[in-house]
């Protein structure tokens, strides 16, 4: 079993920044892709960003392009989502997820169904 633990969420004012971390532990596969998703109150969970197993490929939702970046440190089993220029529409519970199918095109990892393991989420609240 793979455990994913997110951290770094919290309250922030519009225009501010937050850095979310996702740490994988347990029986982690040697290679896996990771995605970040978010779910606002009353809305469906949506894709935010994804990164390939080696960090060479990334994908972002249009709503966060140019504001968010994603990176990973495989030695530390840590994936980071840097969020800048936050606005109230970014308020949501943010989840990280891991996919054991690691060699697909990056577009594959924009779908919820592509992932095998999920964390419990970390809340991000952006005030205006």
C-alpha atoms as a PDB file:
ATOM      1  CA  UNK A   1       0.000   0.000   0.000  1.00  0.00           C
ATOM      2  CA  UNK A   2       1.126   3.538  -0.747  1.00  0.00           C
ATOM      3  CA  UNK A   3       0.455   6.431   1.581  1.00  0.00           C
ATOM      4  CA  UNK A   4       0.383  10.026   0.380  1.00  0.00           C
ATOM      5  CA  UNK A   5       0.384  12.890   2.852  1.00  0.00           C
ATOM      6  CA  UNK A   6      -0.201  16.471   1.772  1.00  0.00           C
ATOM      7  CA  UNK A   7       0.828  19.523   3.744  1.00  0.00           C
ATOM      8  CA  UNK A   8       1.312  23.243   3.326  1.00  0.00           C
ATOM      9  CA  UNK A   9      -2.253  24.391   2.989  1.00  0.00           C
ATOM     10  CA  UNK A  10      -3.795  27.201   4.986  1.00  0.00           C
ATOM     11  CA  UNK A  11      -5.326  30.651   4.738  1.00  0.00           C
ATOM     12  CA  UNK A  12      -3.738  33.229   2.436  1.00  0.00           C
ATOM     13  CA  UNK A  13      -4.753  36.564   0.990  1.00  0.00           C
ATOM     14  CA  UNK A  14      -5.375  37.063  -2.694  1.00  0.00           C
ATOM     15  CA  UNK A  15      -2.128  37.621  -4.534  1.00  0.00           C
ATOM     16  CA  UNK A  16      -0.187  35.537  -2.065  1.00  0.00           C
ATOM     17  CA  UNK A  17       1.629  32.234  -2.412  1.00  0.00           C
ATOM     18  CA  UNK A  18       1.590  28.798  -0.860  1.00  0.00           C
ATOM     19  CA  UNK A  19       3.755  25.730  -1.323  1.00  0.00           C
ATOM     20  CA  UNK A  20       2.062  22.370  -1.017  1.00  0.00           C
ATOM     21  CA  UNK A  21       4.027  19.206  -0.430  1.00  0.00           C
ATOM     22  CA  UNK A  22       3.088  15.599  -0.967  1.00  0.00           C
ATOM     23  CA  UNK A  23       5.201  12.890   0.622  1.00  0.00           C
ATOM     24  CA  UNK A  24       4.890   9.286  -0.475  1.00  0.00           C
ATOM     25  CA  UNK A  25       5.640   6.363   1.798  1.00  0.00           C
ATOM     26  CA  UNK A  26       4.920   2.689   2.158  1.00  0.00           C
ATOM     27  CA  UNK A  27       5.248   0.310  -0.748  1.00  0.00           C
ATOM     28  CA  UNK A  28       5.885   3.030  -3.277  1.00  0.00           C
ATOM     29  CA  UNK A  29       6.629   1.801  -6.775  1.00  0.00           C
ATOM     30  CA  UNK A  30      10.034   2.718  -8.090  1.00  0.00           C
ATOM     31  CA  UNK A  31       8.481   4.820 -10.824  1.00  0.00           C
ATOM     32  CA  UNK A  32       5.199   6.694 -10.597  1.00  0.00           C
ATOM     33  CA  UNK A  33       3.593   9.821 -11.920  1.00  0.00           C
ATOM     34  CA  UNK A  34       1.943  12.303  -9.561  1.00  0.00           C
ATOM     35  CA  UNK A  35      -0.926  14.674  -9.965  1.00  0.00           C
ATOM     36  CA  UNK A  36      -2.525  17.417  -7.921  1.00  0.00           C
ATOM     37  CA  UNK A  37      -6.278  17.838  -7.936  1.00  0.00           C
ATOM     38  CA  UNK A  38      -8.618  20.120  -6.043  1.00  0.00           C
ATOM     39  CA  UNK A  39     -12.209  20.126  -4.971  1.00  0.00           C
ATOM     40  CA  UNK A  40     -14.070  23.248  -4.002  1.00  0.00           C
ATOM     41  CA  UNK A  41     -17.162  23.089  -1.838  1.00  0.00           C
ATOM     42  CA  UNK A  42     -20.099  21.845  -3.884  1.00  0.00           C
ATOM     43  CA  UNK A  43     -18.011  21.183  -6.971  1.00  0.00           C
ATOM     44  CA  UNK A  44     -16.424  18.168  -8.574  1.00  0.00           C
ATOM     45  CA  UNK A  45     -12.792  17.307  -8.105  1.00  0.00           C
ATOM     46  CA  UNK A  46     -10.707  18.830 -10.896  1.00  0.00           C
ATOM     47  CA  UNK A  47      -7.230  18.456 -12.296  1.00  0.00           C
ATOM     48  CA  UNK A  48      -4.614  21.038 -11.325  1.00  0.00           C
ATOM     49  CA  UNK A  49      -1.166  19.750 -12.323  1.00  0.00           C
ATOM     50  CA  UNK A  50       0.767  16.575 -13.061  1.00  0.00           C
ATOM     51  CA  UNK A  51       4.388  15.545 -13.289  1.00  0.00           C
ATOM     52  CA  UNK A  52       5.974  12.504 -14.898  1.00  0.00           C
ATOM     53  CA  UNK A  53       8.006   9.981 -12.961  1.00  0.00           C
ATOM     54  CA  UNK A  54      11.298  11.676 -13.841  1.00  0.00           C
ATOM     55  CA  UNK A  55      10.051  15.241 -13.665  1.00  0.00           C
ATOM     56  CA  UNK A  56      10.697  15.895 -17.339  1.00  0.00           C
ATOM     57  CA  UNK A  57       7.070  16.350 -18.329  1.00  0.00           C
ATOM     58  CA  UNK A  58       4.441  18.473 -16.666  1.00  0.00           C
ATOM     59  CA  UNK A  59       0.872  19.494 -17.343  1.00  0.00           C
ATOM     60  CA  UNK A  60      -1.321  22.215 -15.886  1.00  0.00           C
ATOM     61  CA  UNK A  61      -4.955  23.162 -15.952  1.00  0.00           C
ATOM     62  CA  UNK A  62      -5.573  26.325 -17.955  1.00  0.00           C
ATOM     63  CA  UNK A  63      -6.806  28.072 -14.818  1.00  0.00           C
ATOM     64  CA  UNK A  64      -3.406  27.755 -13.100  1.00  0.00           C
ATOM     65  CA  UNK A  65      -0.961  28.017 -16.007  1.00  0.00           C
ATOM     66  CA  UNK A  66       1.645  30.669 -15.396  1.00  0.00           C
ATOM     67  CA  UNK A  67       0.842  30.767 -11.661  1.00  0.00           C
ATOM     68  CA  UNK A  68       1.532  27.233 -10.417  1.00  0.00           C
ATOM     69  CA  UNK A  69       4.590  25.054 -10.851  1.00  0.00           C
ATOM     70  CA  UNK A  70       5.143  21.416  -9.954  1.00  0.00           C
ATOM     71  CA  UNK A  71       8.374  19.642  -9.122  1.00  0.00           C
ATOM     72  CA  UNK A  72       9.578  16.465  -7.456  1.00  0.00           C
ATOM     73  CA  UNK A  73      12.503  15.107  -5.517  1.00  0.00           C
ATOM     74  CA  UNK A  74      12.509  11.363  -5.996  1.00  0.00           C
ATOM     75  CA  UNK A  75      15.211  10.827  -3.409  1.00  0.00           C
ATOM     76  CA  UNK A  76      12.885  12.334  -0.820  1.00  0.00           C
ATOM     77  CA  UNK A  77       9.685  10.946  -2.366  1.00  0.00           C
ATOM     78  CA  UNK A  78       8.339  14.490  -2.277  1.00  0.00           C
ATOM     79  CA  UNK A  79       6.277  16.343  -4.848  1.00  0.00           C
ATOM     80  CA  UNK A  80       5.826  20.097  -4.510  1.00  0.00           C
ATOM     81  CA  UNK A  81       3.133  22.369  -5.906  1.00  0.00           C
ATOM     82  CA  UNK A  82       4.178  26.006  -5.793  1.00  0.00           C
ATOM     83  CA  UNK A  83       1.145  28.262  -6.053  1.00  0.00           C
ATOM     84  CA  UNK A  84       1.606  31.959  -6.786  1.00  0.00           C
ATOM     85  CA  UNK A  85      -0.783  34.814  -7.436  1.00  0.00           C
ATOM     86  CA  UNK A  86      -3.550  32.988  -5.650  1.00  0.00           C
ATOM     87  CA  UNK A  87      -7.116  34.182  -5.995  1.00  0.00           C
ATOM     88  CA  UNK A  88     -10.350  33.242  -4.199  1.00  0.00           C
ATOM     89  CA  UNK A  89     -11.246  30.821  -7.015  1.00  0.00           C
ATOM     90  CA  UNK A  90      -8.278  28.697  -5.930  1.00  0.00           C
ATOM     91  CA  UNK A  91      -9.959  27.959  -2.605  1.00  0.00           C
ATOM     92  CA  UNK A  92     -10.374  24.198  -2.353  1.00  0.00           C
ATOM     93  CA  UNK A  93      -9.214  20.997  -0.764  1.00  0.00           C
ATOM     94  CA  UNK A  94      -6.060  19.983  -2.618  1.00  0.00           C
ATOM     95  CA  UNK A  95      -5.213  16.330  -3.128  1.00  0.00           C
ATOM     96  CA  UNK A  96      -2.139  14.615  -4.478  1.00  0.00           C
ATOM     97  CA  UNK A  97      -2.402  11.298  -6.266  1.00  0.00           C
ATOM     98  CA  UNK A  98       0.028   8.696  -7.577  1.00  0.00           C
ATOM     99  CA  UNK A  99      -0.241   6.626 -10.737  1.00  0.00           C
ATOM    100  CA  UNK A 100       1.672   3.368 -11.071  1.00  0.00           C
ATOM    101  CA  UNK A 101       1.298   3.476 -14.849  1.00  0.00           C
ATOM    102  CA  UNK A 102       4.233   5.792 -15.259  1.00  0.00           C
ATOM    103  CA  UNK A 103       5.087   5.853 -18.959  1.00  0.00           C
ATOM    104  CA  UNK A 104       1.949   7.270 -20.562  1.00  0.00           C
ATOM    105  CA  UNK A 105       1.788  10.673 -22.251  1.00  0.00           C
ATOM    106  CA  UNK A 106       1.435  13.463 -19.739  1.00  0.00           C
ATOM    107  CA  UNK A 107      -2.109  14.125 -20.931  1.00  0.00           C
ATOM    108  CA  UNK A 108      -3.084  10.735 -19.478  1.00  0.00           C
ATOM    109  CA  UNK A 109      -2.433  12.081 -15.999  1.00  0.00           C
ATOM    110  CA  UNK A 110      -4.980  14.869 -16.248  1.00  0.00           C
ATOM    111  CA  UNK A 111      -7.778  12.371 -15.583  1.00  0.00           C
ATOM    112  CA  UNK A 112      -8.874  11.302 -12.094  1.00  0.00           C
ATOM    113  CA  UNK A 113      -9.238   7.715 -13.228  1.00  0.00           C
ATOM    114  CA  UNK A 114      -5.550   7.458 -14.099  1.00  0.00           C
ATOM    115  CA  UNK A 115      -4.514   7.413 -10.451  1.00  0.00           C
ATOM    116  CA  UNK A 116      -4.236   4.542  -8.023  1.00  0.00           C
ATOM    117  CA  UNK A 117      -3.531   6.227  -4.702  1.00  0.00           C
ATOM    118  CA  UNK A 118      -4.833   9.406  -3.116  1.00  0.00           C
ATOM    119  CA  UNK A 119      -3.950  11.499  -0.124  1.00  0.00           C
ATOM    120  CA  UNK A 120      -6.412  12.952   2.358  1.00  0.00           C
ATOM    121  CA  UNK A 121      -6.030  16.510   1.127  1.00  0.00           C
ATOM    122  CA  UNK A 122      -4.917  19.862   2.479  1.00  0.00           C
ATOM    123  CA  UNK A 123      -7.203  22.890   2.594  1.00  0.00           C
ATOM    124  CA  UNK A 124      -6.296  26.101   0.812  1.00  0.00           C
ATOM    125  CA  UNK A 125      -8.404  29.158   1.546  1.00  0.00           C
ATOM    126  CA  UNK A 126      -7.792  32.387  -0.342  1.00  0.00           C
ATOM    127  CA  UNK A 127      -9.468  35.533   0.920  1.00  0.00           C
ATOM    128  CA  UNK A 128     -10.044  38.657  -1.120  1.00  0.00           C
END
